[in-house]
Amino acid sequence: MQATISKQLSIEDYLKQEEKALCKNEYINGKIIPMAGGTVNHNQIAVNITTELNYAFKKQDYRVYMGDVRLWIPEKNSFTYPDIMVIKGDPIYYENRKDTILNPSLIIEVLSPSTENYDKEGKFSAYRTIATFSEYMLVSQTKIYGEKFTKTEEKKWLFQEFHEEDKAIELQLGNLPLEFDDIYHKVAL
């Protein structure tokens, strides 16, 4: 996980600071966590997945957001910036702010060596407190590999691993296969 700035901030002060910030910061119960810069592979994978999802859901009632839309997690008093979020229906906004939502169904994180444990444990634990959240996908940027967690019932999640030979990660949302050839298109591994 990135370095935490020790100064405690109120939510209001964080949001004001974030509007003027040159880089994004996450907020976890009063603590500010600067987000690490991305790599070319991280960005290309996020763009590839977002492109596939946006096209696949074009005529369905889903919205796809990438990187700059903030997520409010009330039970954890936290704001994060998932790499990709998919919302079924209309977004529900935090205090009518058009930059912060509350209702993702699917969250996708592209794993970075510096944040992998945080994405797999800390963030996933927080995301599970969101009532609409039902699917979590993690994608490696160093090899053809992905993990997926699907909510099967209250407090029960199914874990699946996907390797190169699997050819795709099957999403429950929209019954959509994300092909590895598409996820890793133009990515130098």
C-alpha atoms as a PDB file:
ATOM      1  CA  MET A   1       0.000   0.000   0.000  1.00  0.00           C
ATOM      2  CA  GLN A   2       1.189   3.538  -0.678  1.00  0.00           C
ATOM      3  CA  ALA A   3       2.484   5.865   2.012  1.00  0.00           C
ATOM      4  CA  THR A   4      -0.212   7.399   4.171  1.00  0.00           C
ATOM      5  CA  ILE A   5      -0.176  11.079   4.994  1.00  0.00           C
ATOM      6  CA  SER A   6      -0.618  11.128   8.762  1.00  0.00           C
ATOM      7  CA  LYS A   7      -2.692  14.314   8.971  1.00  0.00           C
ATOM      8  CA  GLN A   8      -6.365  13.542   9.669  1.00  0.00           C
ATOM      9  CA  LEU A   9      -8.871  15.313   7.426  1.00  0.00           C
ATOM     10  CA  SER A  10     -12.621  15.630   7.549  1.00  0.00           C
ATOM     11  CA  ILE A  11     -14.558  14.373   4.534  1.00  0.00           C
ATOM     12  CA  GLU A  12     -15.386  17.947   3.570  1.00  0.00           C
ATOM     13  CA  ASP A  13     -11.729  19.025   3.686  1.00  0.00           C
ATOM     14  CA  TYR A  14     -10.662  15.948   1.717  1.00  0.00           C
ATOM     15  CA  LEU A  15     -13.191  16.636  -1.042  1.00  0.00           C
ATOM     16  CA  LYS A  16     -12.145  20.297  -1.244  1.00  0.00           C
ATOM     17  CA  GLN A  17      -8.489  19.288  -1.383  1.00  0.00           C
ATOM     18  CA  GLU A  18      -9.195  16.650  -4.011  1.00  0.00           C
ATOM     19  CA  GLU A  19     -10.863  19.190  -6.320  1.00  0.00           C
ATOM     20  CA  LYS A  20      -7.566  21.122  -6.518  1.00  0.00           C
ATOM     21  CA  ALA A  21      -5.129  18.207  -6.246  1.00  0.00           C
ATOM     22  CA  LEU A  22      -2.657  17.497  -9.032  1.00  0.00           C
ATOM     23  CA  CYS A  23      -2.830  13.773  -8.269  1.00  0.00           C
ATOM     24  CA  LYS A  24      -5.567  11.585  -6.845  1.00  0.00           C
ATOM     25  CA  ASN A  25      -5.682  10.571  -3.194  1.00  0.00           C
ATOM     26  CA  GLU A  26      -7.779   7.953  -1.500  1.00  0.00           C
ATOM     27  CA  TYR A  27      -9.411   8.665   1.851  1.00  0.00           C
ATOM     28  CA  ILE A  28      -9.610   5.967   4.496  1.00  0.00           C
ATOM     29  CA  ASN A  29     -11.309   6.976   7.706  1.00  0.00           C
ATOM     30  CA  GLY A  30      -9.638  10.383   7.834  1.00  0.00           C
ATOM     31  CA  LYS A  31      -6.264   9.355   6.434  1.00  0.00           C
ATOM     32  CA  ILE A  32      -5.092  10.459   2.997  1.00  0.00           C
ATOM     33  CA  ILE A  33      -3.358   7.905   0.787  1.00  0.00           C
ATOM     34  CA  PRO A  34      -1.664   9.272  -2.346  1.00  0.00           C
ATOM     35  CA  MET A  35      -2.233   7.036  -5.337  1.00  0.00           C
ATOM     36  CA  ALA A  36       0.794   5.679  -7.139  1.00  0.00           C
ATOM     37  CA  GLY A  37       1.329   6.649 -10.753  1.00  0.00           C
ATOM     38  CA  GLY A  38       0.353   4.065 -13.339  1.00  0.00           C
ATOM     39  CA  THR A  39       2.449   2.219 -15.880  1.00  0.00           C
ATOM     40  CA  VAL A  40       1.898   1.924 -19.613  1.00  0.00           C
ATOM     41  CA  ASN A  41       0.749  -1.691 -19.137  1.00  0.00           C
ATOM     42  CA  HIS A  42      -1.658  -0.713 -16.344  1.00  0.00           C
ATOM     43  CA  ASN A  43      -3.193   2.013 -18.469  1.00  0.00           C
ATOM     44  CA  GLN A  44      -3.417  -0.106 -21.636  1.00  0.00           C
ATOM     45  CA  ILE A  45      -5.129  -2.977 -19.792  1.00  0.00           C
ATOM     46  CA  ALA A  46      -7.631  -0.599 -18.152  1.00  0.00           C
ATOM     47  CA  VAL A  47      -8.388   1.045 -21.514  1.00  0.00           C
ATOM     48  CA  ASN A  48      -8.762  -2.351 -23.208  1.00  0.00           C
ATOM     49  CA  ILE A  49     -11.183  -3.681 -20.587  1.00  0.00           C
ATOM     50  CA  THR A  50     -13.170  -0.445 -20.482  1.00  0.00           C
ATOM     51  CA  THR A  51     -13.461  -0.465 -24.278  1.00  0.00           C
ATOM     52  CA  GLU A  52     -14.719  -4.061 -24.313  1.00  0.00           C
ATOM     53  CA  LEU A  53     -17.225  -3.445 -21.515  1.00  0.00           C
ATOM     54  CA  ASN A  54     -18.498  -0.195 -22.965  1.00  0.00           C
ATOM     55  CA  TYR A  55     -19.073  -1.809 -26.352  1.00  0.00           C
ATOM     56  CA  ALA A  56     -20.666  -4.959 -24.885  1.00  0.00           C
ATOM     57  CA  PHE A  57     -23.030  -2.951 -22.676  1.00  0.00           C
ATOM     58  CA  LYS A  58     -23.798  -0.269 -25.276  1.00  0.00           C
ATOM     59  CA  LYS A  59     -27.475  -1.203 -25.587  1.00  0.00           C
ATOM     60  CA  GLN A  60     -27.916  -2.513 -22.052  1.00  0.00           C
ATOM     61  CA  ASP A  61     -28.670  -0.705 -18.811  1.00  0.00           C
ATOM     62  CA  TYR A  62     -25.057  -0.577 -17.591  1.00  0.00           C
ATOM     63  CA  ARG A  63     -22.618   2.321 -17.247  1.00  0.00           C
ATOM     64  CA  VAL A  64     -18.855   1.846 -17.353  1.00  0.00           C
ATOM     65  CA  TYR A  65     -16.498   4.223 -15.518  1.00  0.00           C
ATOM     66  CA  MET A  66     -12.709   4.278 -15.538  1.00  0.00           C
ATOM     67  CA  GLY A  67     -10.237   5.660 -13.037  1.00  0.00           C
ATOM     68  CA  ASP A  68     -11.395   9.211 -12.406  1.00  0.00           C
ATOM     69  CA  VAL A  69     -14.767   8.461 -10.826  1.00  0.00           C
ATOM     70  CA  ARG A  70     -14.519   8.183  -7.053  1.00  0.00           C
ATOM     71  CA  LEU A  71     -16.349   5.576  -4.986  1.00  0.00           C
ATOM     72  CA  TRP A  72     -17.772   6.365  -1.524  1.00  0.00           C
ATOM     73  CA  ILE A  73     -17.886   3.407   0.869  1.00  0.00           C
ATOM     74  CA  PRO A  74     -20.025   4.622   3.797  1.00  0.00           C
ATOM     75  CA  GLU A  75     -19.508   1.673   6.139  1.00  0.00           C
ATOM     76  CA  LYS A  76     -15.730   2.120   5.903  1.00  0.00           C
ATOM     77  CA  ASN A  77     -15.767   5.935   5.827  1.00  0.00           C
ATOM     78  CA  SER A  78     -13.622   5.699   2.693  1.00  0.00           C
ATOM     79  CA  PHE A  79     -13.267   7.099  -0.805  1.00  0.00           C
ATOM     80  CA  THR A  80     -11.364   5.100  -3.429  1.00  0.00           C
ATOM     81  CA  TYR A  81     -10.714   5.314  -7.160  1.00  0.00           C
ATOM     82  CA  PRO A  82     -11.237   1.833  -8.625  1.00  0.00           C
ATOM     83  CA  ASP A  83      -9.619   1.294 -12.014  1.00  0.00           C
ATOM     84  CA  ILE A  84     -12.968   0.315 -13.571  1.00  0.00           C
ATOM     85  CA  MET A  85     -16.531   0.224 -12.232  1.00  0.00           C
ATOM     86  CA  VAL A  86     -19.745  -0.945 -13.853  1.00  0.00           C
ATOM     87  CA  ILE A  87     -23.102   0.242 -12.569  1.00  0.00           C
ATOM     88  CA  LYS A  88     -26.446  -1.299 -13.392  1.00  0.00           C
ATOM     89  CA  GLY A  89     -28.993   1.427 -14.062  1.00  0.00           C
ATOM     90  CA  ASP A  90     -28.403   5.005 -13.025  1.00  0.00           C
ATOM     91  CA  PRO A  91     -25.574   6.062 -10.750  1.00  0.00           C
ATOM     92  CA  ILE A  92     -26.355   7.040  -7.189  1.00  0.00           C
ATOM     93  CA  TYR A  93     -24.213  10.033  -6.293  1.00  0.00           C
ATOM     94  CA  TYR A  94     -22.662  10.975  -2.973  1.00  0.00           C
ATOM     95  CA  GLU A  95     -24.384  14.231  -1.926  1.00  0.00           C
ATOM     96  CA  ASN A  96     -25.255  14.971  -5.588  1.00  0.00           C
ATOM     97  CA  ARG A  97     -21.564  15.133  -6.541  1.00  0.00           C
ATOM     98  CA  LYS A  98     -21.188  13.956 -10.137  1.00  0.00           C
ATOM     99  CA  ASP A  99     -17.634  12.725  -9.412  1.00  0.00           C
ATOM    100  CA  THR A 100     -18.508  10.255  -6.625  1.00  0.00           C
ATOM    101  CA  ILE A 101     -20.808   7.241  -6.826  1.00  0.00           C
ATOM    102  CA  LEU A 102     -22.176   4.702  -4.370  1.00  0.00           C
ATOM    103  CA  ASN A 103     -23.593   1.786  -6.386  1.00  0.00           C
ATOM    104  CA  PRO A 104     -21.143  -0.307  -8.440  1.00  0.00           C
ATOM    105  CA  SER A 105     -22.067  -3.863  -9.385  1.00  0.00           C
ATOM    106  CA  LEU A 106     -18.676  -4.816 -10.804  1.00  0.00           C
ATOM    107  CA  ILE A 107     -15.268  -3.436  -9.829  1.00  0.00           C
ATOM    108  CA  ILE A 108     -12.077  -4.259 -11.704  1.00  0.00           C
ATOM    109  CA  GLU A 109      -8.575  -3.495 -10.457  1.00  0.00           C
ATOM    110  CA  VAL A 110      -5.407  -3.857 -12.542  1.00  0.00           C
ATOM    111  CA  LEU A 111      -2.814  -5.147 -10.105  1.00  0.00           C
ATOM    112  CA  SER A 112       0.388  -3.227  -9.441  1.00  0.00           C
ATOM    113  CA  PRO A 113       3.220  -4.707  -7.375  1.00  0.00           C
ATOM    114  CA  SER A 114       2.952  -1.841  -4.868  1.00  0.00           C
ATOM    115  CA  THR A 115      -0.824  -2.174  -4.345  1.00  0.00           C
ATOM    116  CA  GLU A 116      -1.583  -5.844  -5.028  1.00  0.00           C
ATOM    117  CA  ASN A 117      -2.082  -6.856  -1.383  1.00  0.00           C
ATOM    118  CA  TYR A 118      -4.187  -3.767  -0.681  1.00  0.00           C
ATOM    119  CA  ASP A 119      -6.373  -4.462  -3.749  1.00  0.00           C
ATOM    120  CA  LYS A 120      -6.821  -8.129  -2.811  1.00  0.00           C
ATOM    121  CA  GLU A 121      -7.479  -7.645   0.890  1.00  0.00           C
ATOM    122  CA  GLY A 122      -8.143  -4.106   2.112  1.00  0.00           C
ATOM    123  CA  LYS A 123     -10.125  -2.814  -0.832  1.00  0.00           C
ATOM    124  CA  PHE A 124     -12.028  -6.055  -1.369  1.00  0.00           C
ATOM    125  CA  SER A 125     -13.044  -6.122   2.288  1.00  0.00           C
ATOM    126  CA  ALA A 126     -14.329  -2.547   1.999  1.00  0.00           C
ATOM    127  CA  TYR A 127     -16.066  -3.132  -1.340  1.00  0.00           C
ATOM    128  CA  ARG A 128     -17.996  -6.092   0.098  1.00  0.00           C
ATOM    129  CA  THR A 129     -19.887  -3.692   2.393  1.00  0.00           C
ATOM    130  CA  ILE A 130     -21.572  -2.104  -0.669  1.00  0.00           C
ATOM    131  CA  ALA A 131     -25.045  -3.618  -1.149  1.00  0.00           C
ATOM    132  CA  THR A 132     -24.998  -3.451  -4.974  1.00  0.00           C
ATOM    133  CA  PHE A 133     -21.474  -4.897  -5.320  1.00  0.00           C
ATOM    134  CA  SER A 134     -21.536  -8.469  -6.621  1.00  0.00           C
ATOM    135  CA  GLU A 135     -18.411  -9.085  -8.699  1.00  0.00           C
ATOM    136  CA  TYR A 136     -14.707  -8.250  -8.311  1.00  0.00           C
ATOM    137  CA  MET A 137     -12.062  -8.875 -10.939  1.00  0.00           C
ATOM    138  CA  LEU A 138      -8.311  -8.511 -10.516  1.00  0.00           C
ATOM    139  CA  VAL A 139      -6.034  -8.527 -13.564  1.00  0.00           C
ATOM    140  CA  SER A 140      -2.256  -8.853 -13.596  1.00  0.00           C
ATOM    141  CA  GLN A 141      -0.193  -6.398 -15.608  1.00  0.00           C
ATOM    142  CA  THR A 142       2.916  -8.614 -15.602  1.00  0.00           C
ATOM    143  CA  LYS A 143       1.477 -11.896 -16.923  1.00  0.00           C
ATOM    144  CA  ILE A 144      -1.717 -13.218 -18.486  1.00  0.00           C
ATOM    145  CA  TYR A 145      -3.678 -13.915 -15.335  1.00  0.00           C
ATOM    146  CA  GLY A 146      -6.840 -12.846 -13.578  1.00  0.00           C
ATOM    147  CA  GLU A 147      -8.875 -13.555 -10.472  1.00  0.00           C
ATOM    148  CA  LYS A 148     -12.581 -13.116  -9.975  1.00  0.00           C
ATOM    149  CA  PHE A 149     -14.828 -13.104  -6.930  1.00  0.00           C
ATOM    150  CA  THR A 150     -18.567 -13.488  -7.449  1.00  0.00           C
ATOM    151  CA  LYS A 151     -21.136 -13.006  -4.712  1.00  0.00           C
ATOM    152  CA  THR A 152     -23.285 -16.143  -4.501  1.00  0.00           C
ATOM    153  CA  GLU A 153     -25.349 -15.109  -1.475  1.00  0.00           C
ATOM    154  CA  GLU A 154     -25.028 -12.874   1.576  1.00  0.00           C
ATOM    155  CA  LYS A 155     -21.464 -13.180   2.954  1.00  0.00           C
ATOM    156  CA  LYS A 156     -20.540 -15.893   0.421  1.00  0.00           C
ATOM    157  CA  TRP A 157     -18.204 -15.334  -2.506  1.00  0.00           C
ATOM    158  CA  LEU A 158     -16.976 -17.746  -5.179  1.00  0.00           C
ATOM    159  CA  PHE A 159     -13.282 -17.391  -6.105  1.00  0.00           C
ATOM    160  CA  GLN A 160     -12.007 -18.290  -9.580  1.00  0.00           C
ATOM    161  CA  GLU A 161      -8.541 -18.088 -11.163  1.00  0.00           C
ATOM    162  CA  PHE A 162      -8.013 -17.572 -14.870  1.00  0.00           C
ATOM    163  CA  HIS A 163      -4.764 -18.433 -16.648  1.00  0.00           C
ATOM    164  CA  GLU A 164      -3.616 -17.961 -20.229  1.00  0.00           C
ATOM    165  CA  GLU A 165      -4.945 -21.351 -21.274  1.00  0.00           C
ATOM    166  CA  ASP A 166      -8.448 -20.345 -20.124  1.00  0.00           C
ATOM    167  CA  LYS A 167      -8.557 -17.766 -22.958  1.00  0.00           C
ATOM    168  CA  ALA A 168     -11.088 -15.530 -21.143  1.00  0.00           C
ATOM    169  CA  ILE A 169     -12.469 -14.340 -17.831  1.00  0.00           C
ATOM    170  CA  GLU A 170     -16.186 -15.012 -17.683  1.00  0.00           C
ATOM    171  CA  LEU A 171     -18.122 -12.216 -16.044  1.00  0.00           C
ATOM    172  CA  GLN A 172     -21.437 -12.973 -14.391  1.00  0.00           C
ATOM    173  CA  LEU A 173     -22.562  -9.427 -15.118  1.00  0.00           C
ATOM    174  CA  GLY A 174     -24.122  -9.564 -18.562  1.00  0.00           C
ATOM    175  CA  ASN A 175     -22.837 -13.138 -19.055  1.00  0.00           C
ATOM    176  CA  LEU A 176     -19.831 -11.573 -20.732  1.00  0.00           C
ATOM    177  CA  PRO A 177     -16.530 -13.266 -21.542  1.00  0.00           C
ATOM    178  CA  LEU A 178     -13.540 -10.910 -21.503  1.00  0.00           C
ATOM    179  CA  GLU A 179     -11.015 -12.515 -23.842  1.00  0.00           C
ATOM    180  CA  PHE A 180      -7.378 -12.396 -22.759  1.00  0.00           C
ATOM    181  CA  ASP A 181      -6.447 -11.413 -26.334  1.00  0.00           C
ATOM    182  CA  ASP A 182      -8.581  -8.293 -25.860  1.00  0.00           C
ATOM    183  CA  ILE A 183      -7.486  -7.567 -22.288  1.00  0.00           C
ATOM    184  CA  TYR A 184      -3.781  -7.765 -23.199  1.00  0.00           C
ATOM    185  CA  HIS A 185      -3.997  -6.233 -26.698  1.00  0.00           C
ATOM    186  CA  LYS A 186      -0.914  -4.002 -27.244  1.00  0.00           C
ATOM    187  CA  VAL A 187       0.463  -4.899 -23.788  1.00  0.00           C
ATOM    188  CA  ALA A 188       4.156  -5.820 -23.596  1.00  0.00           C
ATOM    189  CA  LEU A 189       4.539  -8.555 -20.987  1.00  0.00           C
END
